Amino acid sequence: MRAMIRSDLFRNFVGGFLLGAAALVALSPADGTDTLKAKIEAIYKA
């Protein structure tokens, strides 16, 4: 297990995942979240 965590493949995968998650948060439009919340609430109320 320790060897897997220290491997370059694992490190690159985790680094890419974190970079992608940060990019999604940073680049998501703030005004679109209200519309998305309204659509989700409408689905659950139906």
Protein backbone atom coordinates (compact mmCIF):
# COMPACT_ATOMS: atom_id res chain seq x y z
CA MET A 1 0.00 0.00 0.00
CA ARG A 2 2.81 2.37 0.87
CA ALA A 3 4.52 1.71 -2.46
CA MET A 4 1.29 2.52 -4.34
CA ILE A 5 0.86 5.84 -2.54
CA ARG A 6 4.46 6.81 -3.31
CA SER A 7 4.18 5.90 -7.01
CA ASP A 8 4.25 8.60 -9.66
CA LEU A 9 1.08 7.28 -11.30
CA PHE A 10 -0.94 7.66 -8.10
CA ARG A 11 0.55 11.07 -7.37
CA ASN A 12 -0.20 12.33 -10.88
CA PHE A 13 -3.74 10.95 -10.75
CA VAL A 14 -4.52 12.59 -7.42
CA GLY A 15 -2.87 15.84 -8.49
CA GLY A 16 -4.90 15.94 -11.70
CA PHE A 17 -8.08 15.18 -9.83
CA LEU A 18 -7.48 17.99 -7.33
CA LEU A 19 -6.55 20.41 -10.09
CA GLY A 20 -9.72 19.52 -12.02
CA ALA A 21 -11.89 19.94 -8.93
CA ALA A 22 -10.36 23.33 -8.17
CA ALA A 23 -10.88 24.42 -11.78
CA LEU A 24 -14.55 23.39 -11.67
CA VAL A 25 -15.11 25.45 -8.53
CA ALA A 26 -13.14 28.44 -9.80
CA LEU A 27 -14.63 28.51 -13.29
CA SER A 28 -18.26 27.71 -12.51
CA PRO A 29 -20.56 30.69 -13.11
CA ALA A 30 -21.96 32.11 -9.89
CA ASP A 31 -25.25 33.32 -11.40
CA GLY A 32 -26.09 29.89 -12.82
CA THR A 33 -26.26 28.29 -9.39
CA ASP A 34 -29.60 29.92 -8.56
CA THR A 35 -31.20 28.43 -11.67
CA LEU A 36 -29.69 25.03 -10.92
CA LYS A 37 -30.95 25.14 -7.32
CA ALA A 38 -34.45 26.04 -8.51
CA LYS A 39 -34.47 23.12 -10.96
CA ILE A 40 -33.30 20.68 -8.30
CA GLU A 41 -35.91 21.92 -5.82
CA ALA A 42 -38.62 21.59 -8.46
CA ILE A 43 -37.64 17.98 -9.10
CA TYR A 44 -37.82 17.06 -5.42
CA LYS A 45 -41.14 18.88 -4.87
CA ALA A 46 -42.81 17.11 -7.80
